[in-house]
C-alpha atoms as a PDB file:
ATOM      1  CA  MET A   1      10.689  11.438  -6.260  1.00  0.00           C
ATOM      2  CA  PHE A   2      12.949  13.892  -5.436  1.00  0.00           C
ATOM      3  CA  SER A   3      11.869  16.313  -8.189  1.00  0.00           C
ATOM      4  CA  LYS A   4      10.282  19.567  -7.011  1.00  0.00           C
ATOM      5  CA  LYS A   5       6.742  18.777  -5.861  1.00  0.00           C
ATOM      6  CA  GLY A   6       3.920  19.878  -7.965  1.00  0.00           C
ATOM      7  CA  SER A   7       6.352  20.285 -10.738  1.00  0.00           C
ATOM      8  CA  LYS A   8       5.610  18.696 -14.382  1.00  0.00           C
ATOM      9  CA  ILE A   9       8.443  16.032 -13.956  1.00  0.00           C
ATOM     10  CA  HIS A  10       6.962  14.918 -10.362  1.00  0.00           C
ATOM     11  CA  THR A  11       3.290  14.637 -11.658  1.00  0.00           C
ATOM     12  CA  THR A  12       4.632  13.353 -15.067  1.00  0.00           C
ATOM     13  CA  TRP A  13       6.719  10.243 -13.234  1.00  0.00           C
ATOM     14  CA  GLY A  14       4.160  10.068 -10.581  1.00  0.00           C
ATOM     15  CA  THR A  15       1.329   9.335 -13.172  1.00  0.00           C
ATOM     16  CA  VAL A  16       3.799   6.614 -14.840  1.00  0.00           C
ATOM     17  CA  TYR A  17       4.521   5.089 -11.529  1.00  0.00           C
ATOM     18  CA  TYR A  18       0.785   5.008 -10.927  1.00  0.00           C
ATOM     19  CA  TRP A  19      -0.179   2.916 -13.600  1.00  0.00           C
ATOM     20  CA  ALA A  20       3.341   1.086 -13.299  1.00  0.00           C
ATOM     21  CA  MET A  21       2.328   0.200  -9.804  1.00  0.00           C
ATOM     22  CA  PHE A  22      -1.310  -0.576 -11.393  1.00  0.00           C
ATOM     23  CA  LEU A  23       0.144  -3.322 -13.613  1.00  0.00           C
ATOM     24  CA  VAL A  24       1.961  -4.873 -11.121  1.00  0.00           C
ATOM     25  CA  ALA A  25      -1.024  -5.577  -9.087  1.00  0.00           C
ATOM     26  CA  VAL A  26      -2.825  -6.730 -12.030  1.00  0.00           C
ATOM     27  CA  THR A  27      -0.240  -9.179 -13.210  1.00  0.00           C
ATOM     28  CA  ALA A  28       0.135 -10.166  -9.828  1.00  0.00           C
ATOM     29  CA  LEU A  29      -3.532 -10.871  -9.381  1.00  0.00           C
ATOM     30  CA  ILE A  30      -3.624 -12.724 -13.265  1.00  0.00           C
ATOM     31  CA  ARG A  31      -0.789 -15.152 -11.805  1.00  0.00           C
ATOM     32  CA  PHE A  32      -2.332 -15.780  -8.458  1.00  0.00           C
ATOM     33  CA  GLN A  33      -1.949 -19.552  -7.632  1.00  0.00           C
ATOM     34  CA  MET A  34      -2.813 -21.441  -4.122  1.00  0.00           C
ATOM     35  CA  ASN A  35       1.209 -21.107  -3.613  1.00  0.00           C
ATOM     36  CA  LEU A  36       2.238 -19.278  -0.314  1.00  0.00           C
ATOM     37  CA  ARG A  37       4.795 -17.244  -1.857  1.00  0.00           C
ATOM     38  CA  LEU A  38       2.913 -16.316  -4.811  1.00  0.00           C
ATOM     39  CA  ILE A  39      -0.442 -15.772  -2.378  1.00  0.00           C
ATOM     40  CA  PHE A  40       2.316 -13.640  -0.587  1.00  0.00           C
ATOM     41  CA  LEU A  41       3.658 -11.766  -3.588  1.00  0.00           C
ATOM     42  CA  ALA A  42      -0.386 -10.648  -4.941  1.00  0.00           C
ATOM     43  CA  GLY A  43      -1.083  -9.378  -1.194  1.00  0.00           C
ATOM     44  CA  ILE A  44       2.308  -7.089  -1.378  1.00  0.00           C
ATOM     45  CA  ALA A  45       1.326  -5.903  -5.059  1.00  0.00           C
ATOM     46  CA  ILE A  46      -2.048  -5.162  -3.649  1.00  0.00           C
ATOM     47  CA  PHE A  47      -0.458  -3.398  -0.367  1.00  0.00           C
ATOM     48  CA  SER A  48       1.559  -1.489  -2.663  1.00  0.00           C
ATOM     49  CA  PHE A  49      -0.931  -0.426  -5.350  1.00  0.00           C
ATOM     50  CA  TYR A  50      -3.034   0.509  -2.228  1.00  0.00           C
ATOM     51  CA  ASN A  51      -0.602   2.996  -0.973  1.00  0.00           C
ATOM     52  CA  THR A  52       0.089   4.287  -4.465  1.00  0.00           C
ATOM     53  CA  PHE A  53      -3.641   4.953  -5.171  1.00  0.00           C
ATOM     54  CA  THR A  54      -4.292   6.440  -1.734  1.00  0.00           C
ATOM     55  CA  GLY A  55      -1.412   8.776  -2.020  1.00  0.00           C
ATOM     56  CA  VAL A  56      -2.612  10.107  -5.301  1.00  0.00           C
ATOM     57  CA  ARG A  57      -6.342  10.851  -3.584  1.00  0.00           C
ATOM     58  CA  TYR A  58      -4.539  11.922  -0.802  1.00  0.00           C
ATOM     59  CA  ILE A  59      -3.628  14.915  -3.663  1.00  0.00           C
ATOM     60  CA  ARG A  60      -6.874  14.936  -4.820  1.00  0.00           C
ATOM     61  CA  ARG A  61      -8.748  15.301  -2.030  1.00  0.00           C
ATOM     62  CA  LYS A  62      -6.300  17.592  -0.247  1.00  0.00           C
ATOM     63  CA  SER A  63      -8.811  20.196  -0.202  1.00  0.00           C
ATOM     64  CA  ASN A  64     -10.663  18.382   2.194  1.00  0.00           C
ATOM     65  CA  GLN A  65     -13.188  17.000   0.147  1.00  0.00           C
ATOM     66  CA  LYS A  66     -15.846  14.127   0.924  1.00  0.00           C
ATOM     67  CA  PRO A  67     -14.984  10.705   0.108  1.00  0.00           C
ATOM     68  CA  GLU A  68     -16.183   9.348  -3.082  1.00  0.00           C
ATOM     69  CA  PHE A  69     -17.148   5.741  -3.583  1.00  0.00           C
ATOM     70  CA  ILE A  70     -14.322   4.631  -5.061  1.00  0.00           C
ATOM     71  CA  ASP A  71     -12.423   5.923  -1.901  1.00  0.00           C
ATOM     72  CA  TRP A  72     -15.039   3.745   0.629  1.00  0.00           C
ATOM     73  CA  PHE A  73     -14.551   0.846  -2.270  1.00  0.00           C
ATOM     74  CA  ARG A  74     -10.964   0.369  -2.236  1.00  0.00           C
ATOM     75  CA  ALA A  75     -10.615   1.324   1.798  1.00  0.00           C
ATOM     76  CA  ILE A  76     -13.485  -2.078   2.364  1.00  0.00           C
ATOM     77  CA  LEU A  77     -11.731  -3.758  -0.388  1.00  0.00           C
ATOM     78  CA  MET A  78      -8.213  -2.924   1.394  1.00  0.00           C
ATOM     79  CA  VAL A  79     -10.044  -4.424   4.935  1.00  0.00           C
ATOM     80  CA  THR A  80     -11.118  -7.594   2.793  1.00  0.00           C
ATOM     81  CA  GLY A  81      -7.399  -8.254   1.846  1.00  0.00           C
ATOM     82  CA  SER A  82      -5.935  -7.417   4.947  1.00  0.00           C
ATOM     83  CA  LEU A  83      -8.539  -9.957   6.664  1.00  0.00           C
ATOM     84  CA  ILE A  84      -7.558 -12.525   3.955  1.00  0.00           C
ATOM     85  CA  MET A  85      -3.486 -11.792   4.436  1.00  0.00           C
ATOM     86  CA  LEU A  86      -4.045 -12.557   8.343  1.00  0.00           C
ATOM     87  CA  TYR A  87      -6.049 -15.686   7.607  1.00  0.00           C
ATOM     88  CA  PHE A  88      -2.927 -17.090   5.558  1.00  0.00           C
ATOM     89  CA  ALA A  89      -0.568 -16.045   8.613  1.00  0.00           C
ATOM     90  CA  TYR A  90      -2.571 -18.383  10.697  1.00  0.00           C
ATOM     91  CA  ARG A  91      -2.385 -20.737   7.917  1.00  0.00           C
ATOM     92  CA  ALA A  92       1.322 -20.547   7.166  1.00  0.00           C
ATOM     93  CA  PHE A  93       2.132 -20.637  10.760  1.00  0.00           C
ATOM     94  CA  LYS A  94       1.231 -24.306  10.433  1.00  0.00           C
ATOM     95  CA  ILE A  95       4.042 -24.917   7.241  1.00  0.00           C
ATOM     96  CA  ASP A  96       6.552 -22.228   7.682  1.00  0.00           C
ATOM     97  CA  ASN A  97       6.860 -19.270  10.520  1.00  0.00           C
ATOM     98  CA  SER A  98       8.850 -17.070   8.603  1.00  0.00           C
ATOM     99  CA  SER A  99       5.938 -16.797   6.057  1.00  0.00           C
ATOM    100  CA  SER A 100       3.517 -16.570   9.322  1.00  0.00           C
ATOM    101  CA  VAL A 101       5.331 -13.140  10.211  1.00  0.00           C
ATOM    102  CA  LEU A 102       5.308 -11.600   7.249  1.00  0.00           C
ATOM    103  CA  PHE A 103       1.587 -12.204   6.294  1.00  0.00           C
ATOM    104  CA  ALA A 104       1.089 -11.094   9.830  1.00  0.00           C
ATOM    105  CA  ILE A 105       2.935  -7.893   9.622  1.00  0.00           C
ATOM    106  CA  PHE A 106       1.701  -6.766   6.183  1.00  0.00           C
ATOM    107  CA  GLY A 107      -1.753  -7.867   6.756  1.00  0.00           C
ATOM    108  CA  SER A 108      -1.673  -5.433   9.987  1.00  0.00           C
ATOM    109  CA  PHE A 109      -0.257  -2.774   8.203  1.00  0.00           C
ATOM    110  CA  MET A 110      -2.924  -3.428   5.540  1.00  0.00           C
ATOM    111  CA  PHE A 111      -5.632  -3.402   8.123  1.00  0.00           C
ATOM    112  CA  LEU A 112      -4.912  -0.200  10.333  1.00  0.00           C
ATOM    113  CA  LEU A 113      -4.073   1.873   6.560  1.00  0.00           C
ATOM    114  CA  ALA A 114      -7.347   0.968   5.768  1.00  0.00           C
ATOM    115  CA  PHE A 115      -9.029   1.477   9.231  1.00  0.00           C
ATOM    116  CA  GLU A 116      -7.540   4.579   9.821  1.00  0.00           C
ATOM    117  CA  ASP A 117      -8.879   5.840   6.222  1.00  0.00           C
ATOM    118  CA  LEU A 118     -12.475   4.385   7.008  1.00  0.00           C
ATOM    119  CA  GLN A 119     -12.237   6.699  10.410  1.00  0.00           C
ATOM    120  CA  VAL A 120     -11.486   9.555   8.465  1.00  0.00           C
ATOM    121  CA  PHE A 121     -14.390   9.378   6.065  1.00  0.00           C
ATOM    122  CA  VAL A 122     -16.636   8.496   8.687  1.00  0.00           C
ATOM    123  CA  GLY A 123     -15.546  11.047  10.656  1.00  0.00           C
ATOM    124  CA  SER A 124     -14.345   9.054  13.620  1.00  0.00           C
ATOM    125  CA  LYS A 125     -10.917  10.645  13.110  1.00  0.00           C
ATOM    126  CA  GLN A 126     -11.091  14.272  12.762  1.00  0.00           C
ATOM    127  CA  ILE A 127      -8.578  16.533  10.734  1.00  0.00           C
ATOM    128  CA  ASP A 128      -7.905  19.677  12.690  1.00  0.00           C
ATOM    129  CA  ASN A 129      -9.917  22.567  10.880  1.00  0.00           C
ATOM    130  CA  ASP A 130      -6.401  24.325  11.133  1.00  0.00           C
ATOM    131  CA  VAL A 131      -5.459  24.722   7.243  1.00  0.00           C
ATOM    132  CA  PRO A 132      -1.737  24.121   8.280  1.00  0.00           C
ATOM    133  CA  LEU A 133      -2.774  20.645  10.055  1.00  0.00           C
ATOM    134  CA  GLN A 134      -5.166  20.091   7.117  1.00  0.00           C
ATOM    135  CA  THR A 135      -2.057  20.802   4.618  1.00  0.00           C
ATOM    136  CA  ARG A 136       0.649  18.565   6.704  1.00  0.00           C
ATOM    137  CA  TYR A 137      -1.973  15.762   6.657  1.00  0.00           C
ATOM    138  CA  TRP A 138      -2.685  15.162   3.191  1.00  0.00           C
ATOM    139  CA  PHE A 139       0.864  16.075   2.621  1.00  0.00           C
ATOM    140  CA  GLN A 140       2.439  13.631   4.827  1.00  0.00           C
ATOM    141  CA  ASN A 141      -0.212  10.803   4.004  1.00  0.00           C
ATOM    142  CA  HIS A 142       0.931  11.302   0.501  1.00  0.00           C
ATOM    143  CA  ILE A 143       4.578  11.323   1.120  1.00  0.00           C
ATOM    144  CA  SER A 144       4.206   8.103   3.404  1.00  0.00           C
ATOM    145  CA  ARG A 145       1.940   6.377   1.138  1.00  0.00           C
ATOM    146  CA  MET A 146       4.026   6.465  -1.869  1.00  0.00           C
ATOM    147  CA  GLY A 147       6.956   5.786  -0.034  1.00  0.00           C
ATOM    148  CA  GLY A 148       5.334   3.173   1.144  1.00  0.00           C
ATOM    149  CA  SER A 149       4.182   1.621  -1.918  1.00  0.00           C
ATOM    150  CA  TYR A 150       7.812   2.341  -3.344  1.00  0.00           C
ATOM    151  CA  ILE A 151       9.326   0.526  -0.292  1.00  0.00           C
ATOM    152  CA  ALA A 152       7.101  -2.452  -0.413  1.00  0.00           C
ATOM    153  CA  THR A 153       8.151  -2.914  -4.185  1.00  0.00           C
ATOM    154  CA  VAL A 154      11.750  -2.900  -3.913  1.00  0.00           C
ATOM    155  CA  THR A 155      11.872  -5.031  -1.017  1.00  0.00           C
ATOM    156  CA  ALA A 156       9.594  -7.704  -2.931  1.00  0.00           C
ATOM    157  CA  PHE A 157      11.736  -7.472  -5.920  1.00  0.00           C
ATOM    158  CA  LEU A 158      15.360  -7.751  -4.019  1.00  0.00           C
ATOM    159  CA  VAL A 159      13.750 -10.773  -1.966  1.00  0.00           C
ATOM    160  CA  ILE A 160      12.391 -12.517  -5.132  1.00  0.00           C
ATOM    161  CA  ASN A 161      15.643 -12.237  -7.514  1.00  0.00           C
ATOM    162  CA  ASN A 162      17.758 -12.250  -4.534  1.00  0.00           C
ATOM    163  CA  PRO A 163      21.074 -14.262  -6.111  1.00  0.00           C
ATOM    164  CA  PRO A 164      22.888 -16.527  -3.823  1.00  0.00           C
ATOM    165  CA  GLN A 165      25.771 -13.737  -3.944  1.00  0.00           C
ATOM    166  CA  ILE A 166      23.917 -11.095  -2.113  1.00  0.00           C
ATOM    167  CA  PRO A 167      23.367 -12.082   2.159  1.00  0.00           C
ATOM    168  CA  GLY A 168      19.459 -12.610   2.471  1.00  0.00           C
ATOM    169  CA  LEU A 169      20.202  -9.867   5.645  1.00  0.00           C
ATOM    170  CA  LEU A 170      21.423  -7.125   3.403  1.00  0.00           C
ATOM    171  CA  VAL A 171      18.568  -7.801   1.210  1.00  0.00           C
END
């Protein structure tokens, strides 16, 4: 994360991070059960991997290439996942208000990110043809998506593995 962007170290560790996040998402889906806590963790794992995946795709598509099938597929899949998270926000409201809020927040973030990607794909959200703006667009999206992935993953790890000695608010 802190190495020189584009360097061998950065790309090597970025690849390691990408595949680690892929494994986190796969294991979360394998472990999936109809339990609010596990549903939420699966949603966060998918959200984190979506951010990782799109962060990498922004680098690969920085020359303003048209989206490929995989880009469309993952964006539509993410919209679907976000609607499922929002559905569980509604269901969790009857059981546990704090879970409901978490589902609603992450479901909304998931929807907004995927919806923005779809807007760019169909051309309703234009990226200015000014080269510095294009560069800034893919660069900012790469950093925000990879950083968002990292923040969501570390937060989920701390919340789940929070020993009683660490105050919840600190976590």
